[in-house]
Amino acid sequence: MHLHHLNCMTFHLGVQSATHCLLIETDEELILIDTGLGLRDYANPTRLVRTLIAINRIPCDLEETAVRQVVRLGFAPDDVQHIVLTHLHADHAGGLSDFPWAKVHVFAPEYEAAMNPRRFSFFERFYVAAHWAHGPEWVSHSLEGEQWFGLHCVRVIRGHSYEVLLIPLVGHSRGHCGVAVKTPEGWLLHCGDAYVRHSQVDPYHPRSPFPSWIGPLERRLFPFEPLSRLRALVRDHGEEVQLFCAHDPHAFSRLRGSD
């Protein structure tokens, strides 16, 4: 197997940031972890996506879409047979329609939140039904009672040399998960939007990247409980598991260099 680290949407969160997606190349197929925005988001954006693009100064660069990057790597789009999502917010699931044949794996509470968003929930406004209007083949996963380094896990895909798990990190959304990937070199954990800078999961001296006045919003975006579990994971198993999140440009640059 081989891993490809993809930036599927550049935007500005104080500094220029990436949208870190992971493409897993196996002998049989490709597996995509999160999608970033898709081709339709640039050609015919919904109101929410237009707002997202404007506020975050996202360049309308079709070459950053996952499907274009898959082709540049020498694959056919339909080699992507599975998409595993940390959650279904627009910047993580916008590219679903570029791979309409793929099985889409998601944590069951996240599927329920996206299909039936709470009317007065601010964060459930970030679901865009147009992203799954093509009717993907959903695979909705429930907890199975298994453990992974002390955390609950859901086994999603297993091959002879790799394994993909969902690790519930609920808080940023109702069914937010990390996605753990077992490789011959060890485990990688894509933490989605559980945090935005690695300083937040430092087990000994955690630091916020945000000014103090934004504290109440930060606590809603990145709740304490999943952060606490990730800090314990780094403290106790940092040599066995390498963490990264969706929007940390430093982690993306470091891991992209290891492709």
C-alpha atoms as a PDB file:
ATOM      1  CA  MET A   1       0.000   0.000   0.000  1.00  0.00           C
ATOM      2  CA  HIS A   2       0.993   3.627  -0.413  1.00  0.00           C
ATOM      3  CA  LEU A   3      -0.376   6.841   1.095  1.00  0.00           C
ATOM      4  CA  HIS A   4      -0.875  10.123  -0.762  1.00  0.00           C
ATOM      5  CA  HIS A   5      -1.487  13.293   1.264  1.00  0.00           C
ATOM      6  CA  LEU A   6      -3.731  15.674  -0.711  1.00  0.00           C
ATOM      7  CA  ASN A   7      -4.648  19.303  -0.115  1.00  0.00           C
ATOM      8  CA  CYS A   8      -8.198  19.435  -1.429  1.00  0.00           C
ATOM      9  CA  MET A   9      -8.926  23.092  -0.600  1.00  0.00           C
ATOM     10  CA  THR A  10      -6.607  25.965   0.292  1.00  0.00           C
ATOM     11  CA  PHE A  11      -8.092  28.623   2.536  1.00  0.00           C
ATOM     12  CA  HIS A  12      -7.087  31.244   5.064  1.00  0.00           C
ATOM     13  CA  LEU A  13      -7.608  30.644   8.787  1.00  0.00           C
ATOM     14  CA  GLY A  14      -5.373  33.433  10.044  1.00  0.00           C
ATOM     15  CA  VAL A  15      -2.650  31.897   7.871  1.00  0.00           C
ATOM     16  CA  GLN A  16      -2.892  29.945   4.643  1.00  0.00           C
ATOM     17  CA  SER A  17      -4.186  26.499   5.521  1.00  0.00           C
ATOM     18  CA  ALA A  18      -4.822  23.194   3.782  1.00  0.00           C
ATOM     19  CA  THR A  19      -7.720  20.760   3.733  1.00  0.00           C
ATOM     20  CA  HIS A  20      -5.853  17.539   4.382  1.00  0.00           C
ATOM     21  CA  CYS A  21      -7.319  14.469   2.716  1.00  0.00           C
ATOM     22  CA  LEU A  22      -5.690  11.063   2.525  1.00  0.00           C
ATOM     23  CA  LEU A  23      -5.657   8.738  -0.493  1.00  0.00           C
ATOM     24  CA  ILE A  24      -4.834   5.113   0.308  1.00  0.00           C
ATOM     25  CA  GLU A  25      -3.459   3.174  -2.626  1.00  0.00           C
ATOM     26  CA  THR A  26      -3.833  -0.582  -2.229  1.00  0.00           C
ATOM     27  CA  ASP A  27      -3.238  -3.413  -4.689  1.00  0.00           C
ATOM     28  CA  GLU A  28      -6.975  -3.656  -5.361  1.00  0.00           C
ATOM     29  CA  GLU A  29      -8.425  -0.134  -5.129  1.00  0.00           C
ATOM     30  CA  LEU A  30      -8.169   3.411  -3.792  1.00  0.00           C
ATOM     31  CA  ILE A  31      -9.689   4.586  -0.518  1.00  0.00           C
ATOM     32  CA  LEU A  32     -10.226   8.326   0.032  1.00  0.00           C
ATOM     33  CA  ILE A  33     -10.400   9.835   3.530  1.00  0.00           C
ATOM     34  CA  ASP A  34     -12.480  13.052   3.279  1.00  0.00           C
ATOM     35  CA  THR A  35     -12.909  14.864  -0.043  1.00  0.00           C
ATOM     36  CA  GLY A  36     -12.646  18.648   0.337  1.00  0.00           C
ATOM     37  CA  LEU A  37     -14.812  20.612  -2.088  1.00  0.00           C
ATOM     38  CA  GLY A  38     -15.789  19.082  -5.418  1.00  0.00           C
ATOM     39  CA  LEU A  39     -16.080  20.191  -9.024  1.00  0.00           C
ATOM     40  CA  ARG A  40     -19.749  21.178  -8.641  1.00  0.00           C
ATOM     41  CA  ASP A  41     -18.906  23.417  -5.677  1.00  0.00           C
ATOM     42  CA  TYR A  42     -16.935  25.651  -8.034  1.00  0.00           C
ATOM     43  CA  ALA A  43     -19.178  25.321 -11.105  1.00  0.00           C
ATOM     44  CA  ASN A  44     -22.516  25.733  -9.319  1.00  0.00           C
ATOM     45  CA  PRO A  45     -21.995  26.495  -5.621  1.00  0.00           C
ATOM     46  CA  THR A  46     -24.830  26.522  -3.120  1.00  0.00           C
ATOM     47  CA  ARG A  47     -25.338  29.649  -1.029  1.00  0.00           C
ATOM     48  CA  LEU A  48     -23.464  28.124   1.910  1.00  0.00           C
ATOM     49  CA  VAL A  49     -20.519  27.075  -0.272  1.00  0.00           C
ATOM     50  CA  ARG A  50     -20.370  30.542  -1.867  1.00  0.00           C
ATOM     51  CA  THR A  51     -20.202  32.031   1.634  1.00  0.00           C
ATOM     52  CA  LEU A  52     -17.510  29.527   2.665  1.00  0.00           C
ATOM     53  CA  ILE A  53     -15.426  30.401  -0.401  1.00  0.00           C
ATOM     54  CA  ALA A  54     -15.807  34.163   0.123  1.00  0.00           C
ATOM     55  CA  ILE A  55     -15.129  34.272   3.875  1.00  0.00           C
ATOM     56  CA  ASN A  56     -12.114  31.984   3.688  1.00  0.00           C
ATOM     57  CA  ARG A  57     -10.731  33.452   0.447  1.00  0.00           C
ATOM     58  CA  ILE A  58     -10.672  30.038  -1.194  1.00  0.00           C
ATOM     59  CA  PRO A  59      -9.214  30.170  -4.722  1.00  0.00           C
ATOM     60  CA  CYS A  60     -11.513  28.485  -7.233  1.00  0.00           C
ATOM     61  CA  ASP A  61      -8.821  26.036  -8.275  1.00  0.00           C
ATOM     62  CA  LEU A  62     -10.338  22.911  -9.827  1.00  0.00           C
ATOM     63  CA  GLU A  63      -6.914  21.267  -9.738  1.00  0.00           C
ATOM     64  CA  GLU A  64      -7.210  21.060  -5.947  1.00  0.00           C
ATOM     65  CA  THR A  65     -10.298  18.837  -6.127  1.00  0.00           C
ATOM     66  CA  ALA A  66      -9.685  15.244  -5.113  1.00  0.00           C
ATOM     67  CA  VAL A  67     -10.845  13.865  -8.463  1.00  0.00           C
ATOM     68  CA  ARG A  68      -8.361  15.976 -10.437  1.00  0.00           C
ATOM     69  CA  GLN A  69      -5.544  14.978  -8.077  1.00  0.00           C
ATOM     70  CA  VAL A  70      -6.424  11.288  -8.412  1.00  0.00           C
ATOM     71  CA  VAL A  71      -6.100  11.624 -12.191  1.00  0.00           C
ATOM     72  CA  ARG A  72      -2.785  13.510 -11.913  1.00  0.00           C
ATOM     73  CA  LEU A  73      -1.420  10.647  -9.827  1.00  0.00           C
ATOM     74  CA  GLY A  74      -2.101   8.330 -12.760  1.00  0.00           C
ATOM     75  CA  PHE A  75      -5.304   6.669 -11.565  1.00  0.00           C
ATOM     76  CA  ALA A  76      -8.802   6.565 -13.003  1.00  0.00           C
ATOM     77  CA  PRO A  77     -11.488   8.237 -10.873  1.00  0.00           C
ATOM     78  CA  ASP A  78     -13.392   4.965 -10.603  1.00  0.00           C
ATOM     79  CA  ASP A  79     -10.385   3.387  -8.898  1.00  0.00           C
ATOM     80  CA  VAL A  80     -11.743   5.175  -5.797  1.00  0.00           C
ATOM     81  CA  GLN A  81     -14.097   2.519  -4.459  1.00  0.00           C
ATOM     82  CA  HIS A  82     -14.458   3.697  -0.852  1.00  0.00           C
ATOM     83  CA  ILE A  83     -14.731   7.126   0.766  1.00  0.00           C
ATOM     84  CA  VAL A  84     -14.427   7.302   4.562  1.00  0.00           C
ATOM     85  CA  LEU A  85     -15.548  10.580   6.138  1.00  0.00           C
ATOM     86  CA  THR A  86     -14.587  12.205   9.420  1.00  0.00           C
ATOM     87  CA  HIS A  87     -17.885  14.085   9.158  1.00  0.00           C
ATOM     88  CA  LEU A  88     -20.245  15.486   6.542  1.00  0.00           C
ATOM     89  CA  HIS A  89     -19.631  19.239   6.757  1.00  0.00           C
ATOM     90  CA  ALA A  90     -19.308  20.911   3.367  1.00  0.00           C
ATOM     91  CA  ASP A  91     -15.520  21.241   3.304  1.00  0.00           C
ATOM     92  CA  HIS A  92     -15.102  17.523   4.040  1.00  0.00           C
ATOM     93  CA  ALA A  93     -17.807  15.974   1.853  1.00  0.00           C
ATOM     94  CA  GLY A  94     -18.144  18.341  -1.111  1.00  0.00           C
ATOM     95  CA  GLY A  95     -16.374  15.984  -3.495  1.00  0.00           C
ATOM     96  CA  LEU A  96     -18.719  13.024  -2.988  1.00  0.00           C
ATOM     97  CA  SER A  97     -20.506  13.625  -6.288  1.00  0.00           C
ATOM     98  CA  ASP A  98     -17.201  13.358  -8.188  1.00  0.00           C
ATOM     99  CA  PHE A  99     -17.116   9.661  -7.178  1.00  0.00           C
ATOM    100  CA  PRO A 100     -20.810   8.652  -7.428  1.00  0.00           C
ATOM    101  CA  TRP A 101     -20.027   4.905  -7.568  1.00  0.00           C
ATOM    102  CA  ALA A 102     -18.004   4.855  -4.322  1.00  0.00           C
ATOM    103  CA  LYS A 103     -19.251   3.373  -1.074  1.00  0.00           C
ATOM    104  CA  VAL A 104     -19.418   6.202   1.468  1.00  0.00           C
ATOM    105  CA  HIS A 105     -18.557   5.174   5.036  1.00  0.00           C
ATOM    106  CA  VAL A 106     -19.739   7.369   7.902  1.00  0.00           C
ATOM    107  CA  PHE A 107     -20.489   7.044  11.619  1.00  0.00           C
ATOM    108  CA  ALA A 108     -24.217   6.387  12.112  1.00  0.00           C
ATOM    109  CA  PRO A 109     -24.893   9.462  14.319  1.00  0.00           C
ATOM    110  CA  GLU A 110     -23.260  11.685  11.684  1.00  0.00           C
ATOM    111  CA  TYR A 111     -25.430  10.222   8.931  1.00  0.00           C
ATOM    112  CA  GLU A 112     -28.510  10.889  11.067  1.00  0.00           C
ATOM    113  CA  ALA A 113     -27.386  14.480  11.777  1.00  0.00           C
ATOM    114  CA  ALA A 114     -26.810  15.240   8.093  1.00  0.00           C
ATOM    115  CA  MET A 115     -30.051  13.662   6.918  1.00  0.00           C
ATOM    116  CA  ASN A 116     -32.108  15.261   9.710  1.00  0.00           C
ATOM    117  CA  PRO A 117     -30.271  18.410  10.860  1.00  0.00           C
ATOM    118  CA  ARG A 118     -31.613  20.137  13.930  1.00  0.00           C
ATOM    119  CA  ARG A 119     -33.381  23.286  12.869  1.00  0.00           C
ATOM    120  CA  PHE A 120     -31.781  25.612  15.418  1.00  0.00           C
ATOM    121  CA  SER A 121     -28.300  24.070  15.517  1.00  0.00           C
ATOM    122  CA  PHE A 122     -25.736  26.497  14.079  1.00  0.00           C
ATOM    123  CA  PHE A 123     -23.200  23.772  13.272  1.00  0.00           C
ATOM    124  CA  GLU A 124     -25.761  21.575  11.511  1.00  0.00           C
ATOM    125  CA  ARG A 125     -26.220  24.337   8.953  1.00  0.00           C
ATOM    126  CA  PHE A 126     -22.875  23.279   7.494  1.00  0.00           C
ATOM    127  CA  TYR A 127     -24.395  20.212   5.854  1.00  0.00           C
ATOM    128  CA  VAL A 128     -25.145  20.638   2.139  1.00  0.00           C
ATOM    129  CA  ALA A 129     -27.711  18.139   0.887  1.00  0.00           C
ATOM    130  CA  ALA A 130     -26.646  18.826  -2.718  1.00  0.00           C
ATOM    131  CA  HIS A 131     -23.390  16.998  -1.949  1.00  0.00           C
ATOM    132  CA  TRP A 132     -25.251  13.679  -1.755  1.00  0.00           C
ATOM    133  CA  ALA A 133     -28.158  14.413  -4.092  1.00  0.00           C
ATOM    134  CA  HIS A 134     -26.722  11.815  -6.505  1.00  0.00           C
ATOM    135  CA  GLY A 135     -27.706   9.078  -4.049  1.00  0.00           C
ATOM    136  CA  PRO A 136     -24.416   7.533  -2.919  1.00  0.00           C
ATOM    137  CA  GLU A 137     -24.187   4.018  -1.534  1.00  0.00           C
ATOM    138  CA  TRP A 138     -24.045   4.849   2.152  1.00  0.00           C
ATOM    139  CA  VAL A 139     -22.424   2.508   4.664  1.00  0.00           C
ATOM    140  CA  SER A 140     -23.517   3.748   8.077  1.00  0.00           C
ATOM    141  CA  HIS A 141     -21.452   2.291  10.926  1.00  0.00           C
ATOM    142  CA  SER A 142     -22.413   1.820  14.570  1.00  0.00           C
ATOM    143  CA  LEU A 143     -20.109   1.226  17.524  1.00  0.00           C
ATOM    144  CA  GLU A 144     -19.073  -2.403  17.910  1.00  0.00           C
ATOM    145  CA  GLY A 145     -17.619  -2.298  21.431  1.00  0.00           C
ATOM    146  CA  GLU A 146     -14.017  -2.735  20.306  1.00  0.00           C
ATOM    147  CA  GLN A 147     -11.057  -0.770  21.651  1.00  0.00           C
ATOM    148  CA  TRP A 148      -8.114   0.901  19.919  1.00  0.00           C
ATOM    149  CA  PHE A 149      -5.377   2.282  22.191  1.00  0.00           C
ATOM    150  CA  GLY A 150      -8.007   2.861  24.864  1.00  0.00           C
ATOM    151  CA  LEU A 151     -10.517   4.533  22.524  1.00  0.00           C
ATOM    152  CA  HIS A 152     -13.701   3.099  21.049  1.00  0.00           C
ATOM    153  CA  CYS A 153     -13.411   2.120  17.394  1.00  0.00           C
ATOM    154  CA  VAL A 154     -15.466   0.923  14.441  1.00  0.00           C
ATOM    155  CA  ARG A 155     -13.723  -1.371  11.939  1.00  0.00           C
ATOM    156  CA  VAL A 156     -14.548  -0.149   8.443  1.00  0.00           C
ATOM    157  CA  ILE A 157     -12.237  -1.751   5.862  1.00  0.00           C
ATOM    158  CA  ARG A 158      -9.597  -4.442   6.314  1.00  0.00           C
ATOM    159  CA  GLY A 159      -7.045  -5.636   3.757  1.00  0.00           C
ATOM    160  CA  HIS A 160      -4.096  -7.995   3.998  1.00  0.00           C
ATOM    161  CA  SER A 161      -1.667  -5.142   4.766  1.00  0.00           C
ATOM    162  CA  TYR A 162      -3.916  -2.313   5.994  1.00  0.00           C
ATOM    163  CA  GLU A 163      -6.913  -1.511   8.137  1.00  0.00           C
ATOM    164  CA  VAL A 164      -9.217   1.523   8.335  1.00  0.00           C
ATOM    165  CA  LEU A 165     -11.136   2.376  11.521  1.00  0.00           C
ATOM    166  CA  LEU A 166     -13.523   5.090  12.633  1.00  0.00           C
ATOM    167  CA  ILE A 167     -12.601   6.519  16.058  1.00  0.00           C
ATOM    168  CA  PRO A 168     -15.559   8.462  17.526  1.00  0.00           C
ATOM    169  CA  LEU A 169     -14.476  11.979  18.560  1.00  0.00           C
ATOM    170  CA  VAL A 170     -17.940  13.429  18.909  1.00  0.00           C
ATOM    171  CA  GLY A 171     -18.288  17.132  19.625  1.00  0.00           C
ATOM    172  CA  HIS A 172     -17.475  19.182  16.542  1.00  0.00           C
ATOM    173  CA  SER A 173     -20.518  17.451  15.074  1.00  0.00           C
ATOM    174  CA  ARG A 174     -22.948  14.805  16.339  1.00  0.00           C
ATOM    175  CA  GLY A 175     -21.046  11.969  14.685  1.00  0.00           C
ATOM    176  CA  HIS A 176     -17.570  13.413  14.215  1.00  0.00           C
ATOM    177  CA  CYS A 177     -14.854  10.750  13.993  1.00  0.00           C
ATOM    178  CA  GLY A 178     -11.174  10.358  13.495  1.00  0.00           C
ATOM    179  CA  VAL A 179     -10.091   7.881  10.818  1.00  0.00           C
ATOM    180  CA  ALA A 180      -7.251   5.552  11.802  1.00  0.00           C
ATOM    181  CA  VAL A 181      -5.201   3.831   9.113  1.00  0.00           C
ATOM    182  CA  LYS A 182      -2.886   0.915   9.846  1.00  0.00           C
ATOM    183  CA  THR A 183       0.155   0.877   7.594  1.00  0.00           C
ATOM    184  CA  PRO A 184       3.266  -1.322   7.578  1.00  0.00           C
ATOM    185  CA  GLU A 185       5.055   1.582   9.349  1.00  0.00           C
ATOM    186  CA  GLY A 186       2.440   2.066  12.075  1.00  0.00           C
ATOM    187  CA  TRP A 187      -0.830   3.914  12.656  1.00  0.00           C
ATOM    188  CA  LEU A 188      -1.949   7.274  11.276  1.00  0.00           C
ATOM    189  CA  LEU A 189      -4.963   9.045  12.775  1.00  0.00           C
ATOM    190  CA  HIS A 190      -6.757  11.694  10.714  1.00  0.00           C
ATOM    191  CA  CYS A 191      -8.502  13.700  13.446  1.00  0.00           C
ATOM    192  CA  GLY A 192     -10.764  15.695  11.131  1.00  0.00           C
ATOM    193  CA  ASP A 193     -11.833  18.901  12.862  1.00  0.00           C
ATOM    194  CA  ALA A 194     -11.212  17.764  16.444  1.00  0.00           C
ATOM    195  CA  TYR A 195      -8.507  20.456  16.494  1.00  0.00           C
ATOM    196  CA  VAL A 196      -6.748  22.795  14.034  1.00  0.00           C
ATOM    197  CA  ARG A 197      -3.171  23.050  15.353  1.00  0.00           C
ATOM    198  CA  HIS A 198      -1.065  20.347  16.983  1.00  0.00           C
ATOM    199  CA  SER A 199      -0.412  22.612  19.996  1.00  0.00           C
ATOM    200  CA  GLN A 200      -4.003  21.908  21.068  1.00  0.00           C
ATOM    201  CA  VAL A 201      -3.235  18.206  21.649  1.00  0.00           C
ATOM    202  CA  ASP A 202       0.107  18.699  23.379  1.00  0.00           C
ATOM    203  CA  PRO A 203      -0.407  16.460  26.449  1.00  0.00           C
ATOM    204  CA  TYR A 204       1.747  18.567  28.766  1.00  0.00           C
ATOM    205  CA  HIS A 205       1.441  22.191  27.607  1.00  0.00           C
ATOM    206  CA  PRO A 206      -1.672  22.509  25.395  1.00  0.00           C
ATOM    207  CA  ARG A 207      -2.006  25.910  23.749  1.00  0.00           C
ATOM    208  CA  SER A 208      -4.798  27.502  21.790  1.00  0.00           C
ATOM    209  CA  PRO A 209      -3.921  29.109  18.454  1.00  0.00           C
ATOM    210  CA  PHE A 210      -6.784  31.584  18.857  1.00  0.00           C
ATOM    211  CA  PRO A 211      -7.001  34.931  20.697  1.00  0.00           C
ATOM    212  CA  SER A 212      -8.714  34.770  24.078  1.00  0.00           C
ATOM    213  CA  TRP A 213     -11.806  36.682  22.926  1.00  0.00           C
ATOM    214  CA  ILE A 214     -12.771  33.817  20.628  1.00  0.00           C
ATOM    215  CA  GLY A 215     -12.771  31.352  23.550  1.00  0.00           C
ATOM    216  CA  PRO A 216     -16.537  30.584  23.724  1.00  0.00           C
ATOM    217  CA  LEU A 217     -16.683  29.782  19.995  1.00  0.00           C
ATOM    218  CA  GLU A 218     -13.491  27.743  20.217  1.00  0.00           C
ATOM    219  CA  ARG A 219     -14.961  25.597  22.977  1.00  0.00           C
ATOM    220  CA  ARG A 220     -17.982  24.857  20.805  1.00  0.00           C
ATOM    221  CA  LEU A 221     -15.902  24.092  17.720  1.00  0.00           C
ATOM    222  CA  PHE A 222     -13.329  21.972  19.574  1.00  0.00           C
ATOM    223  CA  PRO A 223     -14.942  20.548  22.726  1.00  0.00           C
ATOM    224  CA  PHE A 224     -12.760  19.510  25.638  1.00  0.00           C
ATOM    225  CA  GLU A 225     -13.677  15.806  25.794  1.00  0.00           C
ATOM    226  CA  PRO A 226     -12.268  14.687  22.413  1.00  0.00           C
ATOM    227  CA  LEU A 227      -9.241  16.950  22.900  1.00  0.00           C
ATOM    228  CA  SER A 228      -8.620  15.340  26.276  1.00  0.00           C
ATOM    229  CA  ARG A 229      -8.748  11.861  24.763  1.00  0.00           C
ATOM    230  CA  LEU A 230      -6.358  12.856  21.982  1.00  0.00           C
ATOM    231  CA  ARG A 231      -3.901  14.357  24.479  1.00  0.00           C
ATOM    232  CA  ALA A 232      -3.940  11.074  26.412  1.00  0.00           C
ATOM    233  CA  LEU A 233      -3.359   9.194  23.171  1.00  0.00           C
ATOM    234  CA  VAL A 234      -0.336  11.363  22.342  1.00  0.00           C
ATOM    235  CA  ARG A 235       1.005  11.004  25.881  1.00  0.00           C
ATOM    236  CA  ASP A 236       0.608   7.227  26.108  1.00  0.00           C
ATOM    237  CA  HIS A 237       0.987   6.071  22.500  1.00  0.00           C
ATOM    238  CA  GLY A 238       2.700   8.902  20.635  1.00  0.00           C
ATOM    239  CA  GLU A 239       5.400   6.505  19.387  1.00  0.00           C
ATOM    240  CA  GLU A 240       2.794   4.158  17.899  1.00  0.00           C
ATOM    241  CA  VAL A 241       0.241   6.592  16.472  1.00  0.00           C
ATOM    242  CA  GLN A 242       0.900   9.704  14.380  1.00  0.00           C
ATOM    243  CA  LEU A 243      -1.882  12.291  14.608  1.00  0.00           C
ATOM    244  CA  PHE A 244      -2.830  15.004  12.145  1.00  0.00           C
ATOM    245  CA  CYS A 245      -5.938  17.095  11.601  1.00  0.00           C
ATOM    246  CA  ALA A 246      -7.696  18.495   8.565  1.00  0.00           C
ATOM    247  CA  HIS A 247      -6.479  22.092   8.575  1.00  0.00           C
ATOM    248  CA  ASP A 248      -2.986  22.241  10.096  1.00  0.00           C
ATOM    249  CA  PRO A 249      -0.646  23.478   7.313  1.00  0.00           C
ATOM    250  CA  HIS A 250       2.492  22.415   9.191  1.00  0.00           C
ATOM    251  CA  ALA A 251       1.365  18.798   9.621  1.00  0.00           C
ATOM    252  CA  PHE A 252       0.274  18.701   5.992  1.00  0.00           C
ATOM    253  CA  SER A 253       3.632  19.957   4.727  1.00  0.00           C
ATOM    254  CA  ARG A 254       5.522  17.482   6.909  1.00  0.00           C
ATOM    255  CA  LEU A 255       3.435  14.468   5.877  1.00  0.00           C
ATOM    256  CA  ARG A 256       3.231  15.502   2.225  1.00  0.00           C
ATOM    257  CA  GLY A 257       7.029  15.490   2.187  1.00  0.00           C
ATOM    258  CA  SER A 258       6.992  11.860   3.323  1.00  0.00           C
ATOM    259  CA  ASP A 259       4.866  10.632   0.391  1.00  0.00           C
END
